[in-house]
């Protein structure tokens, strides 16, 4: 498997493009306008669970990268991370430290040894109350602010309040909104209600990009995951995302395979590219490499950019930093040397 940057010269070009704090393009794709609900298409979506699980089980062993190629892939993975803090004890100081980490996620001496220019993470994700703080801290950096919204993580507050919450976050400076769908609509097969909900969220986001969190661990079956993915894209989702990170089961390879094939189908039929975000449970660099290999195999190089792929996994950054330091020095450092801020 080749490095997603392809060659050392391409990596150097990436570094040159990053001079002055620039980043790989954050938003190339226009917002997904959605389309009319096509129930025939939705209800025709099936999932062969045994075949999907067999395919997913082969992924970790089929793709392997070593040495400088692994370092290049891991640098790419950093640019795809939504660095996140969603805790009840979040403070402005913690968010500012997280933003500083997002703008300089790897020590300069490691980047110099790798001959890499400055890189940043894909975004910083916070609750609404911290959007303004994050937007001020990231001003001019090119790093987007994402806000979780719509009664995150359960999504059970009144619809009018969920819509109002989106508007408040957009006005506070959020570039992206991570919404949660009503799982009951999927579990009861009420696709019209799910579509209408998604359309309302899309309208409330305005020019901000919207990520639809399916909470796949609570949807009951891979077939439901496939159908919910299609309905959310028809409703205007710019990204489909596995999980809130709060469910008992979060991102898995079988679920990811179902979702990315749904968005591939959507692209083939409509011409719109939709992003994908696995979230929760991805904490090791080797897992990130497996997900990147899956995306490259199924969707191709274009999806290995921040505007079409994100990791919802802040703890992942620390392990990637350790692996990069090992590549440079030959020694593994202690985890505390790579704090989030």
C-alpha atoms as a PDB file:
ATOM      1  CA  UNK A   1       0.000   0.000   0.000  1.00  0.00           C
ATOM      2  CA  UNK A   2       1.486   3.345  -0.993  1.00  0.00           C
ATOM      3  CA  UNK A   3       1.631   6.423   1.208  1.00  0.00           C
ATOM      4  CA  UNK A   4      -1.410   8.657   0.513  1.00  0.00           C
ATOM      5  CA  UNK A   5       0.989  11.478  -0.282  1.00  0.00           C
ATOM      6  CA  UNK A   6       2.446   9.026  -2.863  1.00  0.00           C
ATOM      7  CA  UNK A   7       6.129  10.122  -2.916  1.00  0.00           C
ATOM      8  CA  UNK A   8       8.755  11.895  -0.874  1.00  0.00           C
ATOM      9  CA  UNK A   9       8.631  14.807  -3.324  1.00  0.00           C
ATOM     10  CA  UNK A  10       4.862  14.995  -2.869  1.00  0.00           C
ATOM     11  CA  UNK A  11       5.375  15.058   0.880  1.00  0.00           C
ATOM     12  CA  UNK A  12       7.873  17.887   0.434  1.00  0.00           C
ATOM     13  CA  UNK A  13       5.328  19.751  -1.695  1.00  0.00           C
ATOM     14  CA  UNK A  14       2.798  19.235   1.077  1.00  0.00           C
ATOM     15  CA  UNK A  15       5.299  20.750   3.494  1.00  0.00           C
ATOM     16  CA  UNK A  16       5.911  23.701   1.205  1.00  0.00           C
ATOM     17  CA  UNK A  17       2.183  24.285   0.857  1.00  0.00           C
ATOM     18  CA  UNK A  18       1.920  24.243   4.626  1.00  0.00           C
ATOM     19  CA  UNK A  19       4.482  27.034   5.145  1.00  0.00           C
ATOM     20  CA  UNK A  20       3.049  29.957   7.054  1.00  0.00           C
ATOM     21  CA  UNK A  21       0.576  27.746   8.903  1.00  0.00           C
ATOM     22  CA  UNK A  22      -1.449  26.737   5.847  1.00  0.00           C
ATOM     23  CA  UNK A  23      -3.096  23.340   5.841  1.00  0.00           C
ATOM     24  CA  UNK A  24      -4.317  20.790   3.374  1.00  0.00           C
ATOM     25  CA  UNK A  25      -7.524  22.150   1.835  1.00  0.00           C
ATOM     26  CA  UNK A  26     -10.248  22.142   4.474  1.00  0.00           C
ATOM     27  CA  UNK A  27     -13.330  22.792   2.378  1.00  0.00           C
ATOM     28  CA  UNK A  28     -13.309  21.960  -1.292  1.00  0.00           C
ATOM     29  CA  UNK A  29     -16.734  20.400  -1.666  1.00  0.00           C
ATOM     30  CA  UNK A  30     -19.788  22.620  -1.719  1.00  0.00           C
ATOM     31  CA  UNK A  31     -22.515  21.954   0.815  1.00  0.00           C
ATOM     32  CA  UNK A  32     -24.663  18.996  -0.140  1.00  0.00           C
ATOM     33  CA  UNK A  33     -28.071  20.391  -1.199  1.00  0.00           C
ATOM     34  CA  UNK A  34     -29.721  17.017  -0.756  1.00  0.00           C
ATOM     35  CA  UNK A  35     -32.484  15.661  -2.942  1.00  0.00           C
ATOM     36  CA  UNK A  36     -36.061  14.446  -2.753  1.00  0.00           C
ATOM     37  CA  UNK A  37     -36.543  11.402  -0.561  1.00  0.00           C
ATOM     38  CA  UNK A  38     -36.318   8.312  -2.787  1.00  0.00           C
ATOM     39  CA  UNK A  39     -37.927   5.534  -0.757  1.00  0.00           C
ATOM     40  CA  UNK A  40     -37.417   2.974  -3.502  1.00  0.00           C
ATOM     41  CA  UNK A  41     -33.688   3.557  -3.283  1.00  0.00           C
ATOM     42  CA  UNK A  42     -33.715   3.560   0.515  1.00  0.00           C
ATOM     43  CA  UNK A  43     -35.736   0.361   0.868  1.00  0.00           C
ATOM     44  CA  UNK A  44     -33.618  -1.436  -1.721  1.00  0.00           C
ATOM     45  CA  UNK A  45     -30.509  -0.963   0.451  1.00  0.00           C
ATOM     46  CA  UNK A  46     -29.481  -4.235   2.083  1.00  0.00           C
ATOM     47  CA  UNK A  47     -26.420  -5.430   3.998  1.00  0.00           C
ATOM     48  CA  UNK A  48     -24.944  -8.930   3.754  1.00  0.00           C
ATOM     49  CA  UNK A  49     -23.663  -9.067   7.319  1.00  0.00           C
ATOM     50  CA  UNK A  50     -21.526 -12.203   7.003  1.00  0.00           C
ATOM     51  CA  UNK A  51     -19.824 -10.958   3.823  1.00  0.00           C
ATOM     52  CA  UNK A  52     -19.250  -7.507   5.324  1.00  0.00           C
ATOM     53  CA  UNK A  53     -17.731  -8.987   8.472  1.00  0.00           C
ATOM     54  CA  UNK A  54     -15.446 -11.264   6.427  1.00  0.00           C
ATOM     55  CA  UNK A  55     -14.226  -8.327   4.376  1.00  0.00           C
ATOM     56  CA  UNK A  56     -13.660  -6.200   7.479  1.00  0.00           C
ATOM     57  CA  UNK A  57     -11.767  -9.000   9.238  1.00  0.00           C
ATOM     58  CA  UNK A  58      -9.176  -9.134   6.439  1.00  0.00           C
ATOM     59  CA  UNK A  59      -8.372  -5.422   6.496  1.00  0.00           C
ATOM     60  CA  UNK A  60      -5.838  -5.163   9.366  1.00  0.00           C
ATOM     61  CA  UNK A  61      -3.634  -7.880   7.870  1.00  0.00           C
ATOM     62  CA  UNK A  62      -3.884  -7.000   4.196  1.00  0.00           C
ATOM     63  CA  UNK A  63      -2.434  -3.508   4.258  1.00  0.00           C
ATOM     64  CA  UNK A  64       0.865  -2.737   5.941  1.00  0.00           C
ATOM     65  CA  UNK A  65       3.183   0.252   5.693  1.00  0.00           C
ATOM     66  CA  UNK A  66       6.571   0.640   7.341  1.00  0.00           C
ATOM     67  CA  UNK A  67       9.302   3.177   7.970  1.00  0.00           C
ATOM     68  CA  UNK A  68       9.001   6.476   6.077  1.00  0.00           C
ATOM     69  CA  UNK A  69       5.779   5.397   4.398  1.00  0.00           C
ATOM     70  CA  UNK A  70       4.170   4.776   7.770  1.00  0.00           C
ATOM     71  CA  UNK A  71       5.368   8.149   9.037  1.00  0.00           C
ATOM     72  CA  UNK A  72       3.841   9.851   5.988  1.00  0.00           C
ATOM     73  CA  UNK A  73       0.502   8.099   6.490  1.00  0.00           C
ATOM     74  CA  UNK A  74       0.492   9.037  10.173  1.00  0.00           C
ATOM     75  CA  UNK A  75       1.195  12.685   9.371  1.00  0.00           C
ATOM     76  CA  UNK A  76      -1.769  12.575   7.010  1.00  0.00           C
ATOM     77  CA  UNK A  77      -3.897  11.003   9.760  1.00  0.00           C
ATOM     78  CA  UNK A  78      -3.127  13.932  12.076  1.00  0.00           C
ATOM     79  CA  UNK A  79      -4.541  16.370   9.526  1.00  0.00           C
ATOM     80  CA  UNK A  80      -7.786  14.373   9.599  1.00  0.00           C
ATOM     81  CA  UNK A  81      -8.409  14.412  13.361  1.00  0.00           C
ATOM     82  CA  UNK A  82     -11.253  16.385  14.918  1.00  0.00           C
ATOM     83  CA  UNK A  83      -9.509  17.283  18.170  1.00  0.00           C
ATOM     84  CA  UNK A  84     -12.327  17.144  20.687  1.00  0.00           C
ATOM     85  CA  UNK A  85     -13.243  18.006  24.244  1.00  0.00           C
ATOM     86  CA  UNK A  86     -16.807  17.236  25.331  1.00  0.00           C
ATOM     87  CA  UNK A  87     -16.639  17.126  29.104  1.00  0.00           C
ATOM     88  CA  UNK A  88     -18.819  18.665  31.750  1.00  0.00           C
ATOM     89  CA  UNK A  89     -15.778  20.313  33.318  1.00  0.00           C
ATOM     90  CA  UNK A  90     -14.542  22.013  30.133  1.00  0.00           C
ATOM     91  CA  UNK A  91     -13.182  25.489  30.785  1.00  0.00           C
ATOM     92  CA  UNK A  92     -12.052  28.291  28.451  1.00  0.00           C
ATOM     93  CA  UNK A  93      -8.468  27.563  29.447  1.00  0.00           C
ATOM     94  CA  UNK A  94      -8.764  23.896  28.502  1.00  0.00           C
ATOM     95  CA  UNK A  95     -10.304  24.788  25.145  1.00  0.00           C
ATOM     96  CA  UNK A  96      -7.587  27.345  24.384  1.00  0.00           C
ATOM     97  CA  UNK A  97      -4.917  24.741  25.177  1.00  0.00           C
ATOM     98  CA  UNK A  98      -6.675  22.254  22.896  1.00  0.00           C
ATOM     99  CA  UNK A  99      -6.763  24.850  20.119  1.00  0.00           C
ATOM    100  CA  UNK A 100      -3.051  25.505  20.559  1.00  0.00           C
ATOM    101  CA  UNK A 101      -2.468  21.767  20.227  1.00  0.00           C
ATOM    102  CA  UNK A 102      -4.638  21.661  17.086  1.00  0.00           C
ATOM    103  CA  UNK A 103      -2.514  24.361  15.472  1.00  0.00           C
ATOM    104  CA  UNK A 104       0.777  22.646  16.409  1.00  0.00           C
ATOM    105  CA  UNK A 105      -0.049  18.956  17.004  1.00  0.00           C
ATOM    106  CA  UNK A 106       3.521  17.637  16.592  1.00  0.00           C
ATOM    107  CA  UNK A 107       6.758  18.968  18.087  1.00  0.00           C
ATOM    108  CA  UNK A 108       8.785  21.014  15.635  1.00  0.00           C
ATOM    109  CA  UNK A 109      11.930  18.895  16.057  1.00  0.00           C
ATOM    110  CA  UNK A 110       9.991  15.813  14.929  1.00  0.00           C
ATOM    111  CA  UNK A 111       8.558  17.649  11.919  1.00  0.00           C
ATOM    112  CA  UNK A 112      12.031  18.908  11.017  1.00  0.00           C
ATOM    113  CA  UNK A 113      13.435  15.374  11.164  1.00  0.00           C
ATOM    114  CA  UNK A 114      10.610  14.201   8.904  1.00  0.00           C
ATOM    115  CA  UNK A 115      11.176  17.142   6.539  1.00  0.00           C
ATOM    116  CA  UNK A 116       7.557  18.134   7.014  1.00  0.00           C
ATOM    117  CA  UNK A 117       6.202  21.646   7.006  1.00  0.00           C
ATOM    118  CA  UNK A 118       3.700  22.789   9.654  1.00  0.00           C
ATOM    119  CA  UNK A 119       0.514  20.739   9.891  1.00  0.00           C
ATOM    120  CA  UNK A 120      -2.674  21.140  11.898  1.00  0.00           C
ATOM    121  CA  UNK A 121      -5.519  18.857  12.889  1.00  0.00           C
ATOM    122  CA  UNK A 122      -8.701  18.798  10.808  1.00  0.00           C
ATOM    123  CA  UNK A 123     -10.857  20.745  13.291  1.00  0.00           C
ATOM    124  CA  UNK A 124     -11.542  21.405  16.954  1.00  0.00           C
ATOM    125  CA  UNK A 125     -14.869  20.076  18.249  1.00  0.00           C
ATOM    126  CA  UNK A 126     -16.570  21.484  21.364  1.00  0.00           C
ATOM    127  CA  UNK A 127     -19.936  22.045  23.001  1.00  0.00           C
ATOM    128  CA  UNK A 128     -21.851  25.191  22.091  1.00  0.00           C
ATOM    129  CA  UNK A 129     -20.743  27.119  25.178  1.00  0.00           C
ATOM    130  CA  UNK A 130     -17.124  26.855  24.061  1.00  0.00           C
ATOM    131  CA  UNK A 131     -17.611  27.738  20.370  1.00  0.00           C
ATOM    132  CA  UNK A 132     -16.791  31.426  20.801  1.00  0.00           C
ATOM    133  CA  UNK A 133     -13.669  30.643  22.825  1.00  0.00           C
ATOM    134  CA  UNK A 134     -12.478  28.144  20.209  1.00  0.00           C
ATOM    135  CA  UNK A 135     -13.260  30.496  17.303  1.00  0.00           C
ATOM    136  CA  UNK A 136     -11.232  33.294  18.906  1.00  0.00           C
ATOM    137  CA  UNK A 137      -8.309  30.976  19.675  1.00  0.00           C
ATOM    138  CA  UNK A 138      -8.245  29.563  16.128  1.00  0.00           C
ATOM    139  CA  UNK A 139      -8.815  32.848  14.315  1.00  0.00           C
ATOM    140  CA  UNK A 140      -6.635  33.036  11.218  1.00  0.00           C
ATOM    141  CA  UNK A 141      -5.308  29.485  11.580  1.00  0.00           C
ATOM    142  CA  UNK A 142      -7.529  27.856   8.974  1.00  0.00           C
ATOM    143  CA  UNK A 143      -8.629  25.230  11.514  1.00  0.00           C
ATOM    144  CA  UNK A 144     -12.452  24.982  11.565  1.00  0.00           C
ATOM    145  CA  UNK A 145     -14.546  24.973  14.719  1.00  0.00           C
ATOM    146  CA  UNK A 146     -17.072  22.161  14.981  1.00  0.00           C
ATOM    147  CA  UNK A 147     -19.903  22.181  17.508  1.00  0.00           C
ATOM    148  CA  UNK A 148     -21.918  19.179  18.669  1.00  0.00           C
ATOM    149  CA  UNK A 149     -25.572  20.108  18.629  1.00  0.00           C
ATOM    150  CA  UNK A 150     -29.235  19.007  18.602  1.00  0.00           C
ATOM    151  CA  UNK A 151     -29.352  17.648  22.129  1.00  0.00           C
ATOM    152  CA  UNK A 152     -26.053  15.764  21.840  1.00  0.00           C
ATOM    153  CA  UNK A 153     -25.611  12.879  22.592  1.00  0.00           C
ATOM    154  CA  UNK A 154     -29.165  11.513  22.916  1.00  0.00           C
ATOM    155  CA  UNK A 155     -30.944  13.919  20.576  1.00  0.00           C
ATOM    156  CA  UNK A 156     -34.141  13.799  22.596  1.00  0.00           C
ATOM    157  CA  UNK A 157     -34.777  17.479  23.267  1.00  0.00           C
ATOM    158  CA  UNK A 158     -37.703  19.186  21.467  1.00  0.00           C
ATOM    159  CA  UNK A 159     -37.101  19.676  17.752  1.00  0.00           C
ATOM    160  CA  UNK A 160     -37.505  23.451  17.896  1.00  0.00           C
ATOM    161  CA  UNK A 161     -34.819  23.650  20.585  1.00  0.00           C
ATOM    162  CA  UNK A 162     -32.467  21.436  18.587  1.00  0.00           C
ATOM    163  CA  UNK A 163     -32.889  23.669  15.544  1.00  0.00           C
ATOM    164  CA  UNK A 164     -32.383  26.794  17.649  1.00  0.00           C
ATOM    165  CA  UNK A 165     -29.212  25.303  19.123  1.00  0.00           C
ATOM    166  CA  UNK A 166     -27.748  24.917  15.630  1.00  0.00           C
ATOM    167  CA  UNK A 167     -28.451  28.564  14.852  1.00  0.00           C
ATOM    168  CA  UNK A 168     -26.845  29.741  18.074  1.00  0.00           C
ATOM    169  CA  UNK A 169     -23.666  27.749  17.366  1.00  0.00           C
ATOM    170  CA  UNK A 170     -23.417  29.046  13.803  1.00  0.00           C
ATOM    171  CA  UNK A 171     -23.791  32.634  15.020  1.00  0.00           C
ATOM    172  CA  UNK A 172     -21.135  32.017  17.667  1.00  0.00           C
ATOM    173  CA  UNK A 173     -18.626  31.056  14.968  1.00  0.00           C
ATOM    174  CA  UNK A 174     -19.012  27.326  14.302  1.00  0.00           C
ATOM    175  CA  UNK A 175     -17.941  26.267  10.798  1.00  0.00           C
ATOM    176  CA  UNK A 176     -19.307  22.750  11.186  1.00  0.00           C
ATOM    177  CA  UNK A 177     -22.213  21.298  13.141  1.00  0.00           C
ATOM    178  CA  UNK A 178     -22.262  17.691  14.339  1.00  0.00           C
ATOM    179  CA  UNK A 179     -25.941  16.809  14.752  1.00  0.00           C
ATOM    180  CA  UNK A 180     -27.459  13.632  16.191  1.00  0.00           C
ATOM    181  CA  UNK A 181     -30.402  11.976  14.510  1.00  0.00           C
ATOM    182  CA  UNK A 182     -33.476  10.598  16.285  1.00  0.00           C
ATOM    183  CA  UNK A 183     -32.679   6.895  16.460  1.00  0.00           C
ATOM    184  CA  UNK A 184     -36.350   6.030  16.920  1.00  0.00           C
ATOM    185  CA  UNK A 185     -37.085   7.084  13.340  1.00  0.00           C
ATOM    186  CA  UNK A 186     -34.631   4.454  12.109  1.00  0.00           C
ATOM    187  CA  UNK A 187     -35.783   1.746  14.508  1.00  0.00           C
ATOM    188  CA  UNK A 188     -39.425   2.249  13.499  1.00  0.00           C
ATOM    189  CA  UNK A 189     -38.656   2.641   9.802  1.00  0.00           C
ATOM    190  CA  UNK A 190     -40.085   6.159   9.698  1.00  0.00           C
ATOM    191  CA  UNK A 191     -37.803   7.352   6.910  1.00  0.00           C
ATOM    192  CA  UNK A 192     -39.940  10.360   6.058  1.00  0.00           C
ATOM    193  CA  UNK A 193     -39.591  11.671   9.613  1.00  0.00           C
ATOM    194  CA  UNK A 194     -35.821  11.159   9.547  1.00  0.00           C
ATOM    195  CA  UNK A 195     -35.593  12.931   6.182  1.00  0.00           C
ATOM    196  CA  UNK A 196     -37.709  15.871   7.361  1.00  0.00           C
ATOM    197  CA  UNK A 197     -35.586  16.186  10.500  1.00  0.00           C
ATOM    198  CA  UNK A 198     -32.382  16.167   8.466  1.00  0.00           C
ATOM    199  CA  UNK A 199     -33.755  18.787   6.059  1.00  0.00           C
ATOM    200  CA  UNK A 200     -34.583  21.047   9.004  1.00  0.00           C
ATOM    201  CA  UNK A 201     -31.071  20.647  10.408  1.00  0.00           C
ATOM    202  CA  UNK A 202     -29.530  21.328   6.994  1.00  0.00           C
ATOM    203  CA  UNK A 203     -31.531  24.543   6.635  1.00  0.00           C
ATOM    204  CA  UNK A 204     -30.572  25.717  10.122  1.00  0.00           C
ATOM    205  CA  UNK A 205     -26.857  25.200   9.381  1.00  0.00           C
ATOM    206  CA  UNK A 206     -26.866  27.678   6.512  1.00  0.00           C
ATOM    207  CA  UNK A 207     -23.366  27.729   5.011  1.00  0.00           C
ATOM    208  CA  UNK A 208     -21.891  25.653   7.839  1.00  0.00           C
ATOM    209  CA  UNK A 209     -21.185  22.045   6.995  1.00  0.00           C
ATOM    210  CA  UNK A 210     -23.321  19.492   8.797  1.00  0.00           C
ATOM    211  CA  UNK A 211     -22.186  16.086  10.038  1.00  0.00           C
ATOM    212  CA  UNK A 212     -24.998  13.625  10.744  1.00  0.00           C
ATOM    213  CA  UNK A 213     -24.213  11.323  13.669  1.00  0.00           C
ATOM    214  CA  UNK A 214     -26.089   8.043  13.209  1.00  0.00           C
ATOM    215  CA  UNK A 215     -25.166   6.435  16.561  1.00  0.00           C
ATOM    216  CA  UNK A 216     -24.761   3.172  14.673  1.00  0.00           C
ATOM    217  CA  UNK A 217     -24.360   1.099  17.826  1.00  0.00           C
ATOM    218  CA  UNK A 218     -28.014   1.845  18.608  1.00  0.00           C
ATOM    219  CA  UNK A 219     -29.544   1.232  15.154  1.00  0.00           C
ATOM    220  CA  UNK A 220     -30.044  -2.512  15.466  1.00  0.00           C
ATOM    221  CA  UNK A 221     -28.645  -3.774  12.142  1.00  0.00           C
ATOM    222  CA  UNK A 222     -26.247  -3.005   9.318  1.00  0.00           C
ATOM    223  CA  UNK A 223     -29.220  -2.706   6.984  1.00  0.00           C
ATOM    224  CA  UNK A 224     -30.586   0.094   9.157  1.00  0.00           C
ATOM    225  CA  UNK A 225     -27.161   1.750   9.030  1.00  0.00           C
ATOM    226  CA  UNK A 226     -27.187   1.628   5.218  1.00  0.00           C
ATOM    227  CA  UNK A 227     -30.697   3.054   4.951  1.00  0.00           C
ATOM    228  CA  UNK A 228     -30.143   5.766   7.562  1.00  0.00           C
ATOM    229  CA  UNK A 229     -26.950   6.799   5.751  1.00  0.00           C
ATOM    230  CA  UNK A 230     -28.829   7.256   2.478  1.00  0.00           C
ATOM    231  CA  UNK A 231     -31.690   9.183   4.058  1.00  0.00           C
ATOM    232  CA  UNK A 232     -29.328  11.574   5.846  1.00  0.00           C
ATOM    233  CA  UNK A 233     -27.447  12.248   2.626  1.00  0.00           C
ATOM    234  CA  UNK A 234     -30.705  12.825   0.761  1.00  0.00           C
ATOM    235  CA  UNK A 235     -31.612  15.237   3.544  1.00  0.00           C
ATOM    236  CA  UNK A 236     -28.446  17.295   3.000  1.00  0.00           C
ATOM    237  CA  UNK A 237     -25.754  15.857   5.275  1.00  0.00           C
ATOM    238  CA  UNK A 238     -22.228  16.865   4.227  1.00  0.00           C
ATOM    239  CA  UNK A 239     -20.733  14.096   6.389  1.00  0.00           C
ATOM    240  CA  UNK A 240     -22.109  10.919   7.873  1.00  0.00           C
ATOM    241  CA  UNK A 241     -20.565   9.981  11.201  1.00  0.00           C
ATOM    242  CA  UNK A 242     -20.723   6.706  13.104  1.00  0.00           C
ATOM    243  CA  UNK A 243     -21.123   7.689  16.715  1.00  0.00           C
ATOM    244  CA  UNK A 244     -21.232  10.277  19.442  1.00  0.00           C
ATOM    245  CA  UNK A 245     -18.508   8.401  21.288  1.00  0.00           C
ATOM    246  CA  UNK A 246     -20.936   7.930  24.175  1.00  0.00           C
ATOM    247  CA  UNK A 247     -22.583   4.695  22.974  1.00  0.00           C
ATOM    248  CA  UNK A 248     -21.556   1.221  24.163  1.00  0.00           C
ATOM    249  CA  UNK A 249     -20.438   0.376  20.593  1.00  0.00           C
ATOM    250  CA  UNK A 250     -18.869   3.099  18.478  1.00  0.00           C
ATOM    251  CA  UNK A 251     -16.921   2.984  15.186  1.00  0.00           C
ATOM    252  CA  UNK A 252     -16.275  -0.494  13.780  1.00  0.00           C
ATOM    253  CA  UNK A 253     -14.890  -1.664  10.450  1.00  0.00           C
ATOM    254  CA  UNK A 254     -18.118  -3.450   9.365  1.00  0.00           C
ATOM    255  CA  UNK A 255     -20.194  -0.333  10.035  1.00  0.00           C
ATOM    256  CA  UNK A 256     -17.606   1.787   8.250  1.00  0.00           C
ATOM    257  CA  UNK A 257     -17.728  -0.462   5.191  1.00  0.00           C
ATOM    258  CA  UNK A 258     -21.516  -0.124   5.003  1.00  0.00           C
ATOM    259  CA  UNK A 259     -21.471   3.648   5.397  1.00  0.00           C
ATOM    260  CA  UNK A 260     -18.709   4.391   2.909  1.00  0.00           C
ATOM    261  CA  UNK A 261     -20.338   2.182   0.292  1.00  0.00           C
ATOM    262  CA  UNK A 262     -23.555   4.117   0.818  1.00  0.00           C
ATOM    263  CA  UNK A 263     -21.783   7.418   0.254  1.00  0.00           C
ATOM    264  CA  UNK A 264     -19.992   5.971  -2.781  1.00  0.00           C
ATOM    265  CA  UNK A 265     -23.390   5.007  -4.190  1.00  0.00           C
ATOM    266  CA  UNK A 266     -24.702   8.504  -3.449  1.00  0.00           C
ATOM    267  CA  UNK A 267     -21.767  10.083  -5.269  1.00  0.00           C
ATOM    268  CA  UNK A 268     -22.250   7.841  -8.299  1.00  0.00           C
ATOM    269  CA  UNK A 269     -25.939   8.738  -8.529  1.00  0.00           C
ATOM    270  CA  UNK A 270     -25.859  12.440  -7.668  1.00  0.00           C
ATOM    271  CA  UNK A 271     -22.306  13.651  -8.307  1.00  0.00           C
ATOM    272  CA  UNK A 272     -21.946  14.955  -4.729  1.00  0.00           C
ATOM    273  CA  UNK A 273     -19.107  13.718  -2.543  1.00  0.00           C
ATOM    274  CA  UNK A 274     -20.108  13.179   1.079  1.00  0.00           C
ATOM    275  CA  UNK A 275     -17.580  12.929   3.886  1.00  0.00           C
ATOM    276  CA  UNK A 276     -17.154  10.154   6.431  1.00  0.00           C
ATOM    277  CA  UNK A 277     -16.204  10.347  10.098  1.00  0.00           C
ATOM    278  CA  UNK A 278     -15.620   7.264  12.249  1.00  0.00           C
ATOM    279  CA  UNK A 279     -15.800   8.316  15.893  1.00  0.00           C
ATOM    280  CA  UNK A 280     -15.150   6.581  19.185  1.00  0.00           C
ATOM    281  CA  UNK A 281     -12.886   3.638  19.908  1.00  0.00           C
ATOM    282  CA  UNK A 282     -10.042   4.616  17.554  1.00  0.00           C
ATOM    283  CA  UNK A 283      -7.098   5.320  19.824  1.00  0.00           C
ATOM    284  CA  UNK A 284      -4.101   3.559  18.241  1.00  0.00           C
ATOM    285  CA  UNK A 285      -2.004   4.616  15.272  1.00  0.00           C
ATOM    286  CA  UNK A 286      -2.275   1.136  13.745  1.00  0.00           C
ATOM    287  CA  UNK A 287      -6.081   1.440  13.792  1.00  0.00           C
ATOM    288  CA  UNK A 288      -5.866   4.773  11.984  1.00  0.00           C
ATOM    289  CA  UNK A 289      -3.745   3.152   9.284  1.00  0.00           C
ATOM    290  CA  UNK A 290      -6.377   0.452   8.809  1.00  0.00           C
ATOM    291  CA  UNK A 291      -9.137   3.040   8.372  1.00  0.00           C
ATOM    292  CA  UNK A 292      -7.042   5.035   5.906  1.00  0.00           C
ATOM    293  CA  UNK A 293      -6.374   1.873   3.909  1.00  0.00           C
ATOM    294  CA  UNK A 294     -10.107   1.106   3.864  1.00  0.00           C
ATOM    295  CA  UNK A 295     -10.945   4.582   2.579  1.00  0.00           C
ATOM    296  CA  UNK A 296      -8.225   4.452  -0.095  1.00  0.00           C
ATOM    297  CA  UNK A 297      -9.379   0.983  -1.237  1.00  0.00           C
ATOM    298  CA  UNK A 298     -13.093   1.790  -1.354  1.00  0.00           C
ATOM    299  CA  UNK A 299     -13.174   5.482  -2.277  1.00  0.00           C
ATOM    300  CA  UNK A 300      -9.763   6.520  -3.531  1.00  0.00           C
ATOM    301  CA  UNK A 301      -7.271   9.283  -2.809  1.00  0.00           C
ATOM    302  CA  UNK A 302      -9.769  12.172  -2.979  1.00  0.00           C
ATOM    303  CA  UNK A 303     -11.424  11.059   0.254  1.00  0.00           C
ATOM    304  CA  UNK A 304      -8.135  11.206   2.158  1.00  0.00           C
ATOM    305  CA  UNK A 305      -8.491  14.965   2.675  1.00  0.00           C
ATOM    306  CA  UNK A 306      -9.923  16.854   5.660  1.00  0.00           C
ATOM    307  CA  UNK A 307     -12.991  18.030   3.760  1.00  0.00           C
ATOM    308  CA  UNK A 308     -14.091  14.410   3.172  1.00  0.00           C
ATOM    309  CA  UNK A 309     -12.648  12.353   6.022  1.00  0.00           C
ATOM    310  CA  UNK A 310     -12.183  12.921   9.743  1.00  0.00           C
ATOM    311  CA  UNK A 311     -11.315  10.852  12.777  1.00  0.00           C
ATOM    312  CA  UNK A 312     -13.418  11.607  15.855  1.00  0.00           C
ATOM    313  CA  UNK A 313     -10.706  10.434  18.237  1.00  0.00           C
ATOM    314  CA  UNK A 314      -8.615  12.903  20.231  1.00  0.00           C
ATOM    315  CA  UNK A 315      -6.650  10.227  22.104  1.00  0.00           C
ATOM    316  CA  UNK A 316      -5.422   8.980  18.726  1.00  0.00           C
ATOM    317  CA  UNK A 317      -3.128  11.992  18.380  1.00  0.00           C
ATOM    318  CA  UNK A 318      -1.008  11.035  21.384  1.00  0.00           C
ATOM    319  CA  UNK A 319      -0.285   7.551  20.052  1.00  0.00           C
ATOM    320  CA  UNK A 320       0.534   8.890  16.578  1.00  0.00           C
ATOM    321  CA  UNK A 321       2.982  11.358  18.125  1.00  0.00           C
ATOM    322  CA  UNK A 322       4.675   8.499  19.980  1.00  0.00           C
ATOM    323  CA  UNK A 323       4.988   6.491  16.764  1.00  0.00           C
ATOM    324  CA  UNK A 324       6.468   9.452  14.890  1.00  0.00           C
ATOM    325  CA  UNK A 325       8.980  10.081  17.667  1.00  0.00           C
ATOM    326  CA  UNK A 326       9.939   6.412  17.583  1.00  0.00           C
ATOM    327  CA  UNK A 327      10.457   6.648  13.834  1.00  0.00           C
ATOM    328  CA  UNK A 328      12.800   9.615  14.312  1.00  0.00           C
ATOM    329  CA  UNK A 329      14.699   8.528  17.446  1.00  0.00           C
ATOM    330  CA  UNK A 330      14.264   4.747  17.620  1.00  0.00           C
ATOM    331  CA  UNK A 331      12.808   5.079  21.116  1.00  0.00           C
ATOM    332  CA  UNK A 332       9.258   5.132  22.471  1.00  0.00           C
ATOM    333  CA  UNK A 333       8.481   8.040  24.769  1.00  0.00           C
ATOM    334  CA  UNK A 334       6.130   8.076  27.725  1.00  0.00           C
ATOM    335  CA  UNK A 335       2.539   9.010  27.016  1.00  0.00           C
ATOM    336  CA  UNK A 336       2.689  12.051  29.294  1.00  0.00           C
ATOM    337  CA  UNK A 337       5.156  13.686  26.893  1.00  0.00           C
ATOM    338  CA  UNK A 338       2.330  14.092  24.376  1.00  0.00           C
ATOM    339  CA  UNK A 339      -0.393  15.800  26.361  1.00  0.00           C
ATOM    340  CA  UNK A 340      -3.374  17.386  24.608  1.00  0.00           C
ATOM    341  CA  UNK A 341      -2.526  20.812  25.969  1.00  0.00           C
END
